[in-house]
Amino acid sequence: MSIWRVACLVARKDLLVERRSRVVLNQVLPFAGVTMVIFAFALDSDAVLERVAPGLVWLATMFSLLVLVQRTFAIETDDGALDAMRVAGVDPRAIYLGKAMGLAIELLVLEIVLLFAAVILYRQTVPVDGIALLAITLLSATCGLAAVGTLYGGLAAGFKGRETLLPLLTLPAVAPVLIGATRAVEAALGTAGAVVSDGWPWVGLLLVFAATFGVGGSLAFGPLIDE
């Protein structure tokens, strides 16, 4: 079987586990929603909320990313599924790509819900000419977050105290995604006078980041989990 075929099977397995457990629906979405509401109460200013809404969406997404990554690798390590796949000769690149694909789909659903929450809570509007920029920003940023989360999730899974190690590894690495995605969404929404053309260079940064971590992660994942 090809690497992509195995990767699709791994992603399908992760999504089936999620569909049956409904952790995203019952835990992650409420967590992200409460985070957005707390931000609204903490800032308590319509003008400030409208200005910082894009950044708050991505902050809530990154906090939720940590929960999703910890859970998916806890399942793999607790029942020995990851070791079983390696013993069975499954290509680690396929495992990495599959888990990243599954994580990306879950994150994309979460981001769409958070954007709707931002529209309601923070009184945001999406101009017609910014829809394409917004969609490409979501896809590219999601791929970058999934690539980083899967790589460091696999690295931290074999260590004691992985609950604290994962944020220490992941959050600094995804800082470029936070900056680039926030600026691109600001341009798509027209926040603080930004225009759509201002967002495309940031999308380029997100695409380079996602490609770099995607390729590098697929090559490094096997040695990392073996160690």
Protein backbone atom coordinates (compact mmCIF):
# COMPACT_ATOMS: atom_id res chain seq x y z
CA MET A 1 0.00 0.00 0.00
CA SER A 2 1.18 3.53 -0.77
CA ILE A 3 2.10 5.99 1.96
CA TRP A 4 -0.91 8.15 1.15
CA ARG A 5 -3.28 5.19 1.29
CA VAL A 6 -1.98 4.21 4.73
CA ALA A 7 -2.10 7.85 5.84
CA CYS A 8 -5.77 8.05 4.84
CA LEU A 9 -6.50 4.91 6.85
CA VAL A 10 -4.75 6.36 9.92
CA ALA A 11 -6.70 9.62 9.55
CA ARG A 12 -9.94 7.69 9.14
CA LYS A 13 -9.17 5.70 12.29
CA ASP A 14 -8.57 8.88 14.30
CA LEU A 15 -11.78 10.46 13.00
CA LEU A 16 -13.77 7.33 13.83
CA VAL A 17 -12.41 7.40 17.37
CA GLU A 18 -13.44 11.04 17.60
CA ARG A 19 -16.91 10.37 16.20
CA ARG A 20 -17.52 7.67 18.79
CA SER A 21 -16.04 9.55 21.75
CA ARG A 22 -17.24 13.04 20.69
CA VAL A 23 -14.46 14.71 22.62
CA VAL A 24 -14.33 17.65 20.20
CA LEU A 25 -18.07 18.18 20.51
CA ASN A 26 -18.40 17.61 24.24
CA GLN A 27 -15.10 18.98 25.55
CA VAL A 28 -12.96 20.92 23.08
CA LEU A 29 -15.70 23.08 21.56
CA PRO A 30 -17.09 24.09 24.99
CA PHE A 31 -13.54 24.82 26.17
CA ALA A 32 -12.87 27.05 23.15
CA GLY A 33 -16.25 28.73 23.52
CA VAL A 34 -15.68 29.50 27.19
CA THR A 35 -12.26 30.91 26.28
CA MET A 36 -13.86 33.28 23.76
CA VAL A 37 -16.50 34.39 26.28
CA ILE A 38 -13.87 34.98 28.97
CA PHE A 39 -11.90 37.16 26.56
CA ALA A 40 -15.04 39.17 25.88
CA PHE A 41 -15.68 39.77 29.59
CA ALA A 42 -12.01 40.48 30.33
CA LEU A 43 -11.59 43.13 27.64
CA ASP A 44 -15.10 44.58 28.11
CA SER A 45 -14.81 47.09 25.27
CA ASP A 46 -16.47 46.81 21.87
CA ALA A 47 -13.72 48.80 20.17
CA VAL A 48 -10.96 46.66 21.67
CA LEU A 49 -12.79 43.41 20.91
CA GLU A 50 -13.29 44.36 17.26
CA ARG A 51 -9.58 45.15 16.98
CA VAL A 52 -8.24 41.99 18.63
CA ALA A 53 -10.91 39.48 17.55
CA PRO A 54 -8.73 37.74 14.89
CA GLY A 55 -5.97 37.14 17.40
CA LEU A 56 -8.39 35.83 20.02
CA VAL A 57 -9.75 33.28 17.55
CA TRP A 58 -6.28 31.89 16.93
CA LEU A 59 -5.36 31.93 20.61
CA ALA A 60 -8.43 29.84 21.40
CA THR A 61 -7.51 27.53 18.52
CA MET A 62 -3.98 27.00 19.83
CA PHE A 63 -5.17 26.23 23.34
CA SER A 64 -7.58 23.70 21.87
CA LEU A 65 -4.78 22.26 19.73
CA LEU A 66 -2.92 21.23 22.87
CA VAL A 67 -5.98 19.39 24.18
CA LEU A 68 -6.52 17.56 20.88
CA VAL A 69 -2.87 16.53 20.48
CA GLN A 70 -2.53 15.30 24.06
CA ARG A 71 -5.66 13.22 23.72
CA THR A 72 -4.86 11.61 20.37
CA PHE A 73 -1.38 10.53 21.45
CA ALA A 74 -2.56 9.44 24.89
CA ILE A 75 -4.87 6.97 23.16
CA GLU A 76 -2.03 5.69 20.97
CA THR A 77 0.46 5.24 23.79
CA ASP A 78 -1.85 3.94 26.53
CA ASP A 79 -3.02 0.91 24.56
CA GLY A 80 0.24 0.45 22.64
CA ALA A 81 -1.33 1.22 19.25
CA LEU A 82 1.60 3.35 18.11
CA ASP A 83 4.11 0.65 18.97
CA ALA A 84 1.92 -1.95 17.28
CA MET A 85 1.89 0.03 14.04
CA ARG A 86 5.65 0.38 14.12
CA VAL A 87 6.14 -3.35 14.83
CA ALA A 88 3.76 -4.13 11.96
CA GLY A 89 6.07 -2.22 9.64
CA VAL A 90 3.82 0.78 8.99
CA ASP A 91 5.85 3.60 7.48
CA PRO A 92 6.28 6.34 10.12
CA ARG A 93 5.77 8.95 7.39
CA ALA A 94 2.30 7.50 6.80
CA ILE A 95 1.54 7.58 10.53
CA TYR A 96 2.64 11.21 10.74
CA LEU A 97 0.72 12.33 7.68
CA GLY A 98 -2.39 10.41 8.70
CA LYS A 99 -2.48 11.80 12.22
CA ALA A 100 -1.79 15.30 10.89
CA MET A 101 -4.65 14.97 8.41
CA GLY A 102 -7.08 13.83 11.09
CA LEU A 103 -5.97 16.62 13.42
CA ALA A 104 -6.29 19.20 10.62
CA ILE A 105 -9.89 18.21 9.93
CA GLU A 106 -10.80 18.52 13.60
CA LEU A 107 -9.05 21.89 13.85
CA LEU A 108 -10.76 23.19 10.72
CA VAL A 109 -14.19 22.41 12.15
CA LEU A 110 -13.20 24.12 15.39
CA GLU A 111 -11.91 27.23 13.61
CA ILE A 112 -15.11 27.63 11.60
CA VAL A 113 -17.16 27.47 14.79
CA LEU A 114 -14.86 30.00 16.48
CA LEU A 115 -15.19 32.39 13.55
CA PHE A 116 -18.95 32.24 13.84
CA ALA A 117 -18.57 32.89 17.57
CA ALA A 118 -16.37 35.91 16.80
CA VAL A 119 -19.01 37.27 14.43
CA ILE A 120 -21.65 36.98 17.18
CA LEU A 121 -19.64 37.92 20.27
CA TYR A 122 -17.26 40.48 18.78
CA ARG A 123 -19.57 41.89 16.09
CA GLN A 124 -17.31 41.00 13.21
CA THR A 125 -18.31 41.08 9.54
CA VAL A 126 -16.75 39.26 6.59
CA PRO A 127 -16.54 41.36 3.41
CA VAL A 128 -17.24 39.53 0.17
CA ASP A 129 -13.79 40.31 -1.24
CA GLY A 130 -12.16 38.82 1.87
CA ILE A 131 -13.81 35.40 1.73
CA ALA A 132 -11.13 33.83 -0.51
CA LEU A 133 -8.32 35.19 1.66
CA LEU A 134 -10.08 33.97 4.80
CA ALA A 135 -10.61 30.46 3.40
CA ILE A 136 -7.00 30.05 2.23
CA THR A 137 -5.74 31.43 5.54
CA LEU A 138 -7.77 28.87 7.47
CA LEU A 139 -6.49 25.99 5.33
CA SER A 140 -2.82 27.00 5.39
CA ALA A 141 -2.75 27.87 9.09
CA THR A 142 -4.57 24.64 9.96
CA CYS A 143 -2.04 22.56 8.03
CA GLY A 144 0.81 24.30 9.84
CA LEU A 145 -0.75 23.79 13.27
CA ALA A 146 -1.52 20.14 12.55
CA ALA A 147 2.02 19.50 11.31
CA VAL A 148 3.62 21.04 14.41
CA GLY A 149 1.15 19.47 16.81
CA THR A 150 1.61 15.98 15.40
CA LEU A 151 5.40 16.22 15.40
CA TYR A 152 5.74 17.45 18.97
CA GLY A 153 2.87 15.31 20.16
CA GLY A 154 4.76 12.23 18.99
CA LEU A 155 7.96 13.49 20.60
CA ALA A 156 6.34 14.25 23.96
CA ALA A 157 4.26 11.06 24.03
CA GLY A 158 7.16 8.93 25.20
CA PHE A 159 8.13 11.16 28.13
CA LYS A 160 6.77 11.45 31.64
CA GLY A 161 5.13 14.79 32.24
CA ARG A 162 4.07 15.07 28.61
CA GLU A 163 1.12 17.27 29.68
CA THR A 164 3.54 20.07 30.55
CA LEU A 165 6.24 19.25 28.00
CA LEU A 166 3.90 19.52 25.01
CA PRO A 167 2.95 23.20 25.55
CA LEU A 168 6.60 24.12 26.13
CA LEU A 169 7.56 22.56 22.79
CA THR A 170 4.53 23.52 20.73
CA LEU A 171 3.62 27.10 21.64
CA PRO A 172 6.97 28.70 20.67
CA ALA A 173 7.01 26.74 17.41
CA VAL A 174 3.55 27.89 16.35
CA ALA A 175 4.23 31.58 17.07
CA PRO A 176 4.71 32.30 13.33
CA VAL A 177 1.29 30.77 12.66
CA LEU A 178 -0.31 32.95 15.34
CA ILE A 179 1.24 36.09 13.88
CA GLY A 180 0.67 35.27 10.21
CA ALA A 181 -2.88 33.95 10.63
CA THR A 182 -3.89 36.91 12.79
CA ARG A 183 -2.59 39.44 10.26
CA ALA A 184 -4.18 37.61 7.34
CA VAL A 185 -7.57 37.38 9.07
CA GLU A 186 -7.34 41.06 9.98
CA ALA A 187 -6.88 41.84 6.29
CA ALA A 188 -9.76 39.55 5.30
CA LEU A 189 -12.11 41.18 7.83
CA GLY A 190 -10.87 44.71 7.23
CA THR A 191 -9.89 45.16 10.87
CA ALA A 192 -8.27 48.49 11.78
CA GLY A 193 -8.37 49.68 8.18
CA ALA A 194 -6.48 46.68 6.76
CA VAL A 195 -7.15 45.73 3.13
CA VAL A 196 -7.27 42.32 1.50
CA SER A 197 -3.99 42.79 -0.37
CA ASP A 198 -2.18 43.14 2.97
CA GLY A 199 -3.05 39.55 3.86
CA TRP A 200 -1.57 37.63 0.94
CA PRO A 201 2.11 37.96 1.99
CA TRP A 202 1.13 36.49 5.37
CA VAL A 203 -0.59 33.61 3.59
CA GLY A 204 2.68 32.97 1.78
CA LEU A 205 4.43 32.76 5.16
CA LEU A 206 1.81 30.28 6.39
CA LEU A 207 2.20 28.10 3.30
CA VAL A 208 6.00 28.02 3.64
CA PHE A 209 5.68 27.19 7.33
CA ALA A 210 3.20 24.37 6.67
CA ALA A 211 5.32 22.91 3.86
CA THR A 212 8.52 23.09 5.91
CA PHE A 213 7.07 21.39 8.97
CA GLY A 214 5.10 18.94 6.83
CA VAL A 215 8.19 17.69 5.00
CA GLY A 216 10.52 17.95 7.98
CA GLY A 217 8.03 16.34 10.31
CA SER A 218 7.41 13.37 8.03
CA LEU A 219 11.16 12.72 7.88
CA ALA A 220 11.83 13.24 11.59
CA PHE A 221 8.75 11.52 13.04
CA GLY A 222 10.09 7.98 12.73
CA PRO A 223 13.42 8.56 14.53
CA LEU A 224 11.66 10.63 17.20
CA ILE A 225 9.08 8.01 18.16
CA ASP A 226 11.67 5.23 17.96
CA GLU A 227 13.78 7.05 20.54
